[in-house]
Protein backbone atom coordinates (compact mmCIF):
# COMPACT_ATOMS: atom_id res chain seq x y z
CA MET A 1 -32.20 6.51 35.73
CA SER A 2 -34.94 4.48 34.34
CA ASP A 3 -35.66 1.02 35.84
CA GLN A 4 -35.81 -0.53 32.13
CA ILE A 5 -32.68 -0.79 30.29
CA ASP A 6 -32.32 -2.27 27.33
CA ALA A 7 -29.05 -2.05 26.11
CA VAL A 8 -25.32 -1.11 27.40
CA VAL A 9 -23.48 0.79 24.69
CA ASN A 10 -20.01 2.47 24.44
CA ILE A 11 -20.37 5.50 22.63
CA SER A 12 -18.47 5.99 19.40
CA GLY A 13 -16.00 9.11 19.12
CA VAL A 14 -16.03 9.87 23.02
CA PHE A 15 -12.46 10.45 24.09
CA SER A 16 -11.80 9.87 27.84
CA PRO A 17 -9.02 9.31 30.31
CA THR A 18 -10.29 6.57 31.25
CA PRO A 19 -13.09 3.63 29.80
CA THR A 20 -16.52 5.00 29.98
CA VAL A 21 -19.80 3.11 29.74
CA PHE A 22 -22.93 4.79 28.77
CA TYR A 23 -26.42 3.47 29.43
CA MET A 24 -29.42 3.98 27.10
CA THR A 25 -32.82 2.93 27.45
CA ASN A 26 -35.17 1.88 24.62
CA THR A 27 -32.31 1.38 21.75
CA THR A 28 -30.50 -1.45 20.05
CA ALA A 29 -27.18 -2.45 21.26
CA ALA A 30 -24.09 -1.26 18.98
CA SER A 31 -20.71 -1.58 18.96
CA VAL A 32 -18.53 1.72 19.46
CA HIS A 33 -15.29 2.59 20.98
CA VAL A 34 -13.77 4.71 23.73
CA TYR A 35 -10.73 6.75 22.97
CA ASP A 36 -7.88 7.62 25.27
CA SER A 37 -7.80 11.47 24.84
CA GLY A 38 -3.78 10.85 25.66
CA ASN A 39 -3.11 8.64 22.84
CA VAL A 40 -5.20 10.55 20.41
CA ALA A 41 -3.42 14.02 21.48
CA TRP A 42 0.13 11.97 21.52
CA VAL A 43 -0.43 11.03 17.66
CA LEU A 44 -1.86 14.26 16.54
CA MET A 45 1.27 15.84 17.71
CA SER A 46 2.99 13.29 16.27
CA THR A 47 1.39 14.22 12.69
CA ALA A 48 2.29 17.77 13.30
CA LEU A 49 5.94 16.54 13.77
CA VAL A 50 6.07 15.00 10.79
CA PHE A 51 4.65 17.44 8.82
CA LEU A 52 7.21 19.60 9.95
CA MET A 53 10.10 17.25 8.56
CA ILE A 54 9.18 17.61 5.16
CA PRO A 55 10.15 21.47 4.89
CA GLY A 56 13.22 20.32 7.01
CA VAL A 57 13.82 17.74 4.27
CA GLY A 58 13.82 21.02 1.74
CA TYR A 59 15.81 23.13 3.67
CA PHE A 60 18.75 20.35 3.96
CA TYR A 61 18.78 19.79 0.41
CA SER A 62 18.63 23.77 -0.51
CA GLY A 63 21.54 23.95 1.59
CA MET A 64 23.86 21.80 -0.05
CA ALA A 65 22.81 22.56 -3.56
CA LYS A 66 23.86 25.62 -5.92
CA THR A 67 22.36 29.14 -5.08
CA LYS A 68 20.43 29.22 -8.40
CA HIS A 69 18.88 25.78 -7.74
CA ALA A 70 17.89 26.22 -3.73
CA LEU A 71 14.34 27.72 -4.01
CA SER A 72 13.17 24.57 -6.17
CA LEU A 73 14.12 21.88 -3.90
CA ILE A 74 12.16 23.53 -1.12
CA MET A 75 8.97 23.83 -3.26
CA LEU A 76 8.98 20.43 -4.53
CA CYS A 77 8.92 18.86 -0.98
CA CYS A 78 6.03 21.31 -0.24
CA TRP A 79 4.24 19.93 -3.34
CA SER A 80 5.01 16.59 -2.25
CA ILE A 81 2.65 17.08 0.91
CA ALA A 82 -0.11 18.45 -1.33
CA ILE A 83 0.07 15.89 -3.72
CA VAL A 84 0.50 12.99 -1.60
CA TYR A 85 -2.19 14.11 0.61
CA ILE A 86 -4.90 14.25 -2.15
CA GLN A 87 -3.54 10.60 -3.39
CA TRP A 88 -4.01 9.72 0.05
CA PHE A 89 -7.33 10.92 -0.09
CA LEU A 90 -8.47 9.51 -3.25
CA PHE A 91 -7.09 5.85 -2.99
CA GLY A 92 -3.73 5.82 -1.34
CA TYR A 93 -4.76 5.09 2.17
CA SER A 94 -7.32 2.18 0.73
CA LEU A 95 -4.53 0.70 -1.18
CA ALA A 96 -1.79 0.42 1.55
CA PHE A 97 -4.31 -0.51 4.68
CA SER A 98 -7.85 -1.73 3.23
CA ARG A 99 -9.05 -4.54 5.76
CA SER A 100 -9.41 -6.96 2.93
CA ALA A 101 -5.84 -6.43 1.14
CA ASN A 102 -3.89 -9.28 -0.52
CA LEU A 103 -0.16 -10.16 0.22
CA ILE A 104 1.04 -6.79 -1.54
CA ILE A 105 -1.41 -4.52 -2.50
CA GLY A 106 -5.09 -3.15 -0.94
CA ASN A 107 -8.01 -2.38 -2.88
CA PHE A 108 -10.54 0.69 -3.21
CA ASP A 109 -13.08 -0.44 0.00
CA HIS A 110 -11.67 2.96 1.34
CA ALA A 111 -11.38 5.30 -1.79
CA PHE A 112 -12.54 8.85 -1.02
CA LEU A 113 -11.95 8.15 2.70
CA MET A 114 -15.14 6.01 2.60
CA ASN A 115 -15.94 4.17 5.92
CA VAL A 116 -12.93 5.55 7.38
CA SER A 117 -14.37 7.24 10.31
CA MET A 118 -14.14 7.14 14.22
CA ASN A 119 -13.85 3.11 14.32
CA PRO A 120 -10.75 1.74 15.79
CA SER A 121 -7.84 1.39 13.44
CA LEU A 122 -6.65 -1.36 11.58
CA ALA A 123 -3.18 -0.77 13.38
CA SER A 124 -4.11 -0.37 16.79
CA GLY A 125 -7.83 0.15 18.82
CA GLU A 126 -6.47 2.94 20.50
CA ILE A 127 -6.75 5.51 17.87
CA PRO A 128 -9.74 5.83 15.65
CA ASP A 129 -9.27 4.88 11.84
CA ILE A 130 -9.19 8.80 10.42
CA LEU A 131 -6.20 9.74 12.81
CA PHE A 132 -4.37 6.57 11.43
CA CYS A 133 -4.99 7.66 8.05
CA ILE A 134 -3.58 11.18 8.33
CA TYR A 135 -0.56 10.28 10.44
CA GLN A 136 0.08 7.88 7.83
CA SER A 137 -0.30 10.05 5.22
CA MET A 138 2.64 12.08 6.41
CA PHE A 139 5.08 9.10 6.06
CA ALA A 140 3.59 8.66 2.50
CA ALA A 141 4.06 12.38 1.77
CA ILE A 142 7.85 12.43 3.01
CA THR A 143 9.13 9.41 0.98
CA PRO A 144 9.15 10.78 -2.64
CA ALA A 145 10.29 14.29 -1.09
CA LEU A 146 13.74 12.28 0.25
CA ALA A 147 13.57 10.63 -3.29
CA ILE A 148 13.79 13.93 -5.40
CA GLY A 149 16.62 15.07 -3.90
CA ALA A 150 19.04 12.62 -6.58
CA ALA A 151 17.12 15.00 -9.24
CA ALA A 152 18.68 18.24 -7.91
CA GLU A 153 19.95 21.20 -9.98
CA ARG A 154 18.42 19.38 -13.19
CA GLY A 155 15.42 17.91 -12.98
CA ARG A 156 12.09 19.56 -14.42
CA PHE A 157 9.51 20.66 -11.72
CA LEU A 158 6.17 19.43 -13.45
CA PRO A 159 7.48 15.99 -14.27
CA THR A 160 8.62 15.43 -10.95
CA ILE A 161 5.35 16.41 -9.53
CA ILE A 162 3.48 14.03 -11.54
CA PHE A 163 6.05 11.27 -10.84
CA ILE A 164 5.36 11.72 -7.44
CA PHE A 165 1.75 11.11 -7.76
CA ILE A 166 2.44 8.30 -9.90
CA TRP A 167 5.46 6.94 -7.67
CA THR A 168 3.79 6.80 -4.46
CA THR A 169 0.73 4.75 -5.93
CA LEU A 170 2.87 2.25 -7.41
CA VAL A 171 5.84 1.92 -4.98
CA TYR A 172 5.10 3.37 -1.96
CA ASP A 173 1.29 2.15 -1.33
CA PHE A 174 2.48 -1.39 -2.34
CA ILE A 175 5.50 -1.84 -0.01
CA ALA A 176 3.63 0.16 3.08
CA CYS A 177 0.94 -2.64 2.43
CA TRP A 178 3.16 -5.65 2.65
CA THR A 179 5.24 -4.21 5.57
CA TRP A 180 2.58 -2.83 7.89
CA ASN A 181 -1.33 -4.14 7.01
CA THR A 182 -1.82 -7.25 8.80
CA ASN A 183 -2.58 -8.99 5.42
CA GLY A 184 0.98 -8.16 3.96
CA TRP A 185 3.35 -10.85 3.00
CA SER A 186 6.25 -9.09 4.77
CA ASN A 187 4.03 -8.86 7.74
CA ILE A 188 2.76 -12.30 7.79
CA MET A 189 6.32 -13.98 7.42
CA GLY A 190 7.35 -12.02 10.49
CA GLY A 191 9.59 -8.93 9.15
CA LEU A 192 10.05 -6.50 11.67
CA ASP A 193 9.74 -2.79 10.58
CA TYR A 194 8.55 -0.22 13.30
CA ALA A 195 8.66 3.06 11.32
CA GLY A 196 9.66 2.67 8.04
CA GLY A 197 13.14 1.20 7.20
CA THR A 198 12.00 0.13 3.88
CA PRO A 199 8.42 1.97 3.08
CA VAL A 200 10.73 5.12 3.52
CA HIS A 201 14.19 5.14 3.51
CA ILE A 202 14.73 1.77 1.38
CA SER A 203 12.31 3.06 -1.38
CA SER A 204 13.41 6.45 -1.37
CA GLY A 205 17.07 5.40 -1.58
CA ALA A 206 16.39 3.46 -4.59
CA ALA A 207 13.99 5.57 -6.28
CA ALA A 208 16.85 8.25 -5.87
CA LEU A 209 19.35 5.90 -7.40
CA ALA A 210 16.91 4.95 -10.40
CA PHE A 211 16.57 8.99 -10.87
CA ALA A 212 19.97 9.56 -10.79
CA ILE A 213 20.67 6.83 -13.65
CA MET A 214 18.06 8.36 -15.68
CA LEU A 215 18.70 11.79 -15.56
CA GLY A 216 22.24 11.69 -15.92
CA HIS A 217 25.36 13.78 -14.78
CA ARG A 218 24.61 17.30 -13.73
CA GLU A 219 26.60 19.94 -16.41
CA ASN A 220 30.23 20.65 -15.44
CA ASN A 221 30.13 17.71 -12.65
CA ASN A 222 33.05 15.56 -13.66
CA ASP A 223 32.42 12.54 -11.09
CA THR A 224 35.17 13.55 -9.20
CA PRO A 225 34.97 14.51 -5.21
CA SER A 226 36.26 17.96 -5.83
CA THR A 227 35.91 20.42 -2.98
CA SER A 228 34.39 23.80 -4.47
CA GLU A 229 31.45 21.64 -6.16
CA SER A 230 30.55 19.33 -3.07
CA LYS A 231 30.25 22.50 -0.74
CA PRO A 232 27.05 23.55 0.44
CA HIS A 233 25.88 27.04 -0.65
CA ASN A 234 24.34 27.95 2.66
CA MET A 235 25.27 25.59 5.35
CA SER A 236 22.70 27.37 7.50
CA ASN A 237 19.81 25.98 5.53
CA VAL A 238 21.38 22.67 6.32
CA VAL A 239 21.29 23.25 9.79
CA LEU A 240 18.12 24.32 9.92
CA GLY A 241 17.01 21.72 8.16
CA THR A 242 19.01 18.98 10.26
CA ALA A 243 17.32 20.49 13.10
CA LEU A 244 13.48 20.33 11.72
CA ILE A 245 14.50 16.64 10.71
CA TRP A 246 15.66 15.89 14.05
CA PHE A 247 12.84 17.31 16.07
CA GLY A 248 10.10 16.02 13.43
CA TRP A 249 11.52 12.28 14.30
CA PHE A 250 10.57 11.78 17.69
CA GLY A 251 6.80 12.08 15.99
CA PHE A 252 8.18 9.83 13.10
CA ASN A 253 9.64 6.91 15.46
CA GLY A 254 7.83 7.89 18.59
CA GLY A 255 4.36 8.23 17.30
CA SER A 256 4.65 4.54 15.38
CA ALA A 257 3.71 3.51 18.95
CA LEU A 258 0.14 4.98 17.76
CA ALA A 259 -0.06 5.50 21.91
CA ALA A 260 1.14 7.62 24.59
CA SER A 261 3.08 4.49 26.05
CA SER A 262 6.30 3.26 27.59
CA ARG A 263 7.40 2.16 24.39
CA ALA A 264 6.96 5.55 22.47
CA ILE A 265 9.17 6.54 25.06
CA PHE A 266 11.80 3.82 24.11
CA ALA A 267 11.35 4.67 20.86
CA CYS A 268 12.49 8.52 21.33
CA VAL A 269 15.11 7.67 23.89
CA VAL A 270 17.15 5.20 21.08
CA THR A 271 15.84 7.22 18.54
CA CYS A 272 18.03 10.49 20.03
CA LEU A 273 20.93 8.26 21.09
CA ALA A 274 21.47 6.90 17.59
CA ALA A 275 21.49 10.37 16.09
CA SER A 276 23.71 11.55 18.49
CA VAL A 277 26.28 8.81 17.97
CA GLY A 278 25.84 8.94 14.16
CA GLY A 279 26.64 12.85 13.96
CA ILE A 280 29.84 12.43 16.18
CA VAL A 281 31.21 8.99 14.39
CA TRP A 282 30.78 10.76 10.75
CA VAL A 283 32.54 14.05 11.61
CA LEU A 284 35.25 11.98 13.34
CA LEU A 285 35.27 9.83 10.18
CA ASP A 286 35.68 12.66 8.17
CA TYR A 287 38.27 14.62 10.31
CA ARG A 288 41.06 12.10 9.06
CA HIS A 289 40.88 14.23 5.64
CA GLU A 290 40.61 17.83 6.34
CA LYS A 291 41.33 18.25 10.48
CA LYS A 292 38.19 19.74 10.76
CA PHE A 293 35.14 19.21 12.62
CA SER A 294 32.77 19.59 9.73
CA PRO A 295 29.18 20.78 10.08
CA LEU A 296 28.22 18.98 7.21
CA ALA A 297 29.55 16.22 8.52
CA PHE A 298 27.67 16.23 11.97
CA CYS A 299 24.37 16.91 9.76
CA CYS A 300 25.01 14.19 7.69
CA GLY A 301 25.60 11.58 10.33
CA VAL A 302 22.55 12.88 12.53
CA VAL A 303 20.42 11.70 9.58
CA ALA A 304 22.11 8.30 8.94
CA GLY A 305 21.92 7.48 12.80
CA LEU A 306 17.90 8.61 12.43
CA VAL A 307 17.31 6.45 9.33
CA THR A 308 19.30 3.33 10.81
CA ILE A 309 17.37 3.29 13.89
CA THR A 310 13.85 3.89 12.29
CA PRO A 311 13.04 0.22 11.86
CA ALA A 312 14.56 -0.71 15.18
CA CYS A 313 13.28 1.85 17.57
CA GLY A 314 10.40 -0.21 18.64
CA PHE A 315 12.22 -3.22 19.52
CA VAL A 316 15.90 -2.75 20.66
CA SER A 317 17.26 -1.62 24.03
CA PRO A 318 19.05 1.98 24.51
CA ALA A 319 22.50 0.01 24.86
CA SER A 320 21.91 -1.54 21.06
CA SER A 321 21.05 1.89 19.56
CA ILE A 322 24.74 2.95 20.19
CA VAL A 323 25.43 0.11 17.47
CA PHE A 324 23.18 1.44 15.10
CA GLY A 325 24.70 5.09 15.17
CA LEU A 326 27.99 3.40 14.95
CA VAL A 327 27.32 0.96 12.27
CA GLY A 328 25.10 3.05 10.38
CA ALA A 329 26.95 6.52 10.27
CA THR A 330 30.09 4.24 8.98
CA SER A 331 28.26 2.49 6.34
CA CYS A 332 26.64 5.69 5.04
CA ASN A 333 29.73 7.59 4.96
CA LEU A 334 31.59 4.58 3.11
CA ALA A 335 28.74 4.52 0.54
CA MET A 336 29.36 8.06 -0.20
CA ASN A 337 32.01 6.55 -2.56
CA LEU A 338 29.48 4.30 -4.43
CA LYS A 339 28.58 7.25 -7.00
CA HIS A 340 31.94 7.93 -8.04
CA LEU A 341 32.92 4.07 -8.14
CA PHE A 342 29.62 3.53 -10.64
CA HIS A 343 29.37 6.97 -11.98
CA PHE A 344 26.11 7.87 -11.47
CA ASP A 345 25.20 11.57 -10.01
CA ASP A 346 23.32 11.42 -7.08
CA ALA A 347 23.51 14.77 -6.05
CA LEU A 348 22.52 14.83 -2.47
CA ASP A 349 23.62 11.55 -1.85
CA VAL A 350 20.01 10.09 -0.90
CA PHE A 351 20.77 6.60 -1.54
CA ALA A 352 23.94 6.42 0.24
CA VAL A 353 22.40 8.04 3.24
CA HIS A 354 18.53 6.39 3.04
CA GLY A 355 19.13 3.30 0.60
CA VAL A 356 22.20 2.08 2.72
CA GLY A 357 21.28 2.98 6.16
CA GLY A 358 18.00 1.46 5.66
CA ILE A 359 19.55 -1.34 4.67
CA VAL A 360 21.85 -1.44 7.57
CA GLY A 361 18.87 -0.63 9.84
CA ASN A 362 16.89 -3.98 8.62
CA ILE A 363 19.39 -6.14 9.32
CA LEU A 364 20.71 -4.48 12.44
CA THR A 365 17.20 -4.97 13.70
CA GLY A 366 17.45 -8.78 13.27
CA VAL A 367 20.15 -9.10 15.16
CA PHE A 368 19.01 -6.49 18.13
CA ALA A 369 15.25 -6.93 18.61
CA GLN A 370 14.20 -7.57 21.81
CA LYS A 371 11.05 -9.29 23.09
CA SER A 372 11.42 -7.68 26.16
CA VAL A 373 10.66 -4.19 24.01
CA ALA A 374 8.07 -4.88 22.30
CA ILE A 375 6.09 -6.48 24.93
CA MET A 376 5.67 -3.37 26.24
CA ASP A 377 2.68 -2.71 24.35
CA GLY A 378 1.66 -6.09 24.17
CA GLN A 379 3.24 -7.09 20.88
CA VAL A 380 4.68 -10.57 21.10
CA ILE A 381 7.75 -11.28 18.61
CA LYS A 382 10.59 -14.05 18.77
CA GLY A 383 13.31 -11.36 18.83
CA GLY A 384 16.14 -11.39 17.04
CA TRP A 385 19.58 -12.97 17.14
CA LEU A 386 20.19 -11.49 20.49
CA ASP A 387 17.31 -13.74 21.49
CA GLY A 388 18.33 -16.43 20.00
CA HIS A 389 16.28 -16.18 16.76
CA TRP A 390 18.89 -15.84 14.10
CA MET A 391 16.11 -16.69 11.08
CA GLN A 392 14.88 -12.97 11.74
CA VAL A 393 17.85 -11.83 10.08
CA VAL A 394 17.13 -13.94 6.94
CA TYR A 395 13.51 -12.08 7.29
CA GLN A 396 14.92 -8.93 7.25
CA ILE A 397 17.29 -9.16 4.33
CA ALA A 398 14.35 -10.51 2.29
CA ASP A 399 11.88 -7.67 3.24
CA SER A 400 15.21 -5.25 2.00
CA ALA A 401 15.79 -6.96 -1.24
CA ALA A 402 12.29 -7.09 -1.96
CA GLY A 403 11.56 -3.26 -1.22
CA LEU A 404 14.79 -2.34 -3.15
CA GLY A 405 14.19 -4.26 -5.77
CA TRP A 406 10.65 -3.44 -6.24
CA SER A 407 11.30 0.38 -5.89
CA PHE A 408 14.31 0.71 -8.42
CA ILE A 409 12.59 -1.39 -10.99
CA VAL A 410 9.68 0.17 -11.06
CA THR A 411 10.75 3.69 -10.64
CA LEU A 412 13.27 2.93 -13.45
CA ILE A 413 10.25 1.94 -15.97
CA LEU A 414 8.33 4.83 -14.98
CA LEU A 415 10.92 7.36 -15.55
CA PHE A 416 11.66 5.72 -19.04
CA ILE A 417 8.16 5.80 -19.69
CA MET A 418 7.40 9.44 -19.03
CA ASN A 419 10.81 10.63 -20.55
CA LYS A 420 9.02 9.21 -24.00
CA VAL A 421 6.15 11.22 -23.38
CA PRO A 422 5.90 14.74 -25.12
CA GLY A 423 6.21 17.10 -22.59
CA LEU A 424 7.41 15.17 -19.73
CA SER A 425 10.79 14.95 -20.81
CA LEU A 426 12.64 14.79 -17.45
CA ARG A 427 15.68 16.79 -17.47
CA VAL A 428 15.78 20.91 -18.21
CA ASP A 429 17.14 22.56 -21.08
CA PRO A 430 21.13 23.27 -20.42
CA HIS A 431 20.25 26.93 -20.40
CA VAL A 432 17.93 26.52 -17.63
CA GLU A 433 20.55 24.21 -15.89
CA ARG A 434 22.82 27.05 -16.27
CA ASN A 435 20.91 29.78 -15.42
CA GLY A 436 19.03 27.67 -12.36
CA LEU A 437 15.63 26.13 -11.79
CA ASP A 438 14.82 28.61 -9.52
CA GLN A 439 14.40 31.17 -12.33
CA GLY A 440 13.83 28.63 -15.26
CA GLU A 441 11.09 26.85 -13.67
CA LEU A 442 9.62 28.84 -10.65
CA GLY A 443 10.27 32.58 -11.88
CA LEU A 444 11.57 33.33 -8.56
CA ALA A 445 15.07 32.67 -6.29
CA CYS A 446 16.05 32.15 -2.84
CA TYR A 447 18.48 35.05 -3.40
CA GLU A 448 17.10 37.68 -5.86
CA TYR A 449 19.60 40.37 -5.47
CA VAL A 450 22.41 37.46 -5.96
CA GLU A 451 20.71 36.27 -9.57
CA GLU A 452 20.43 39.75 -10.65
CA VAL A 453 24.09 40.05 -10.44
CA ARG A 454 24.92 36.65 -11.65
CA LEU A 455 22.60 36.82 -14.57
CA GLY A 456 24.05 40.19 -15.27
CA GLY A 457 27.17 38.43 -16.00
CA SER A 458 29.28 38.61 -12.99
CA THR A 459 29.66 35.83 -10.26
CA THR A 460 31.39 38.76 -8.05
CA ASP A 461 29.83 41.86 -6.86
CA LEU A 462 32.31 44.17 -6.39
CA VAL A 463 31.29 47.34 -3.78
CA THR A 464 32.44 50.17 -3.55
CA GLU A 465 32.45 52.29 -0.19
CA LYS A 466 33.84 55.34 0.68
CA GLN A 467 35.51 55.78 4.29
CA ASN A 468 36.70 59.14 5.12
CA GLY A 469 37.45 59.86 1.65
CA ASN A 470 39.13 56.56 0.78
CA SER A 471 37.49 54.34 -1.36
CA GLN A 472 37.69 50.61 -0.65
CA SER A 473 36.78 47.76 -2.59
CA PHE A 474 36.25 44.13 -1.55
CA SER A 475 34.52 41.03 -3.09
CA MET A 476 31.33 39.19 -2.13
CA SER A 477 31.73 35.46 -3.35
CA VAL A 478 28.72 33.09 -3.52
CA ARG A 479 28.48 29.43 -5.01
CA LEU A 480 26.54 30.13 -7.91
């Protein structure tokens, strides 16, 4: 090494398990950063896990819908990834996470990802800005995918994907900014939302409620909890979707630590515990009606537990997470009756699970948040009521009410305007609804043979087999 050293610099974009200093001669000093490769790898993997949740939502929804509408729900979720990711590149990330944002929204400083590179991210110096960008894009993509479940079986495809783009801009980006941006009003106030109680779940639940109101009831849905209409057409899809969602949620909540840290471990532990309790509690609540261990009840309870623990997962202890699973599943289960009480057709109960679950989770965070958990990676908070800071409950209610109100009102206005624009009417024609959105909007179906039989004028396929000279007939029934 030369005896003449003009500057000591850290080289930007270098990944190392330990901080590294590079000596350079005859150069000007620069401010650059070195990243721990373990932290970067964990957030990259978490990005992939959250991505996997989105088709998981599609399978979860498709299994609960009728056969003739199943594929449309899977494809809408996949389209949500593509549409939102492009929006995020164009200006979404800049609106949500620009460094010079105001109290409610950012600007276009990072439009087209300008100046989004290997510099430390706004949220954490442990990962580069570009990694934080793609990780957060998955949160943005899954949120409208959750909301469109309310439009199942009657919403047109083209207006829905246009809605996804505009809604992400006018609703999600605003709420994400005021919740997670250091300049956002909720963040400054002291609101606690570790992984998306308000930006993801309350906003999607409120949007689903607005969507259900604007679209009206499905054909032949008489607004009563009839057993034939409420049964899933394919329970295997529901279970598969639940498994993908549960698996991906480790990246959703654990990845929100933005580092492979002890707090990330805690987030994963409480996430799984709340989901487990939620699934069992929902089954027991439904058992009293039909004396069956319903697989649908278990899946709904798991999702309710996951939703409820989301805002709190980086702030609460494992013991507290049991309360989240118990109260979350009970509240969401009871909220399933709201659509019958107020006569709106939330086809897949998005508001009951995500809207109500997000609100309950936010309020419980105000009760059970602990300073001892947050300090694991250096975040200093006053804690919740459990730590003697009862005002945290007020902050959480204010944040929940703002998110719910903003999402519901903006969504309602947006859908009203879209429905008046020629070519963007929200609801399919009655004959398309009767024949199915898969064939009417996509030209393909999940079950082509079943659709051929159904469109041929029969809902029962009679199959005749000859065994040992005897003719045997039996019927195959499907939920059409």
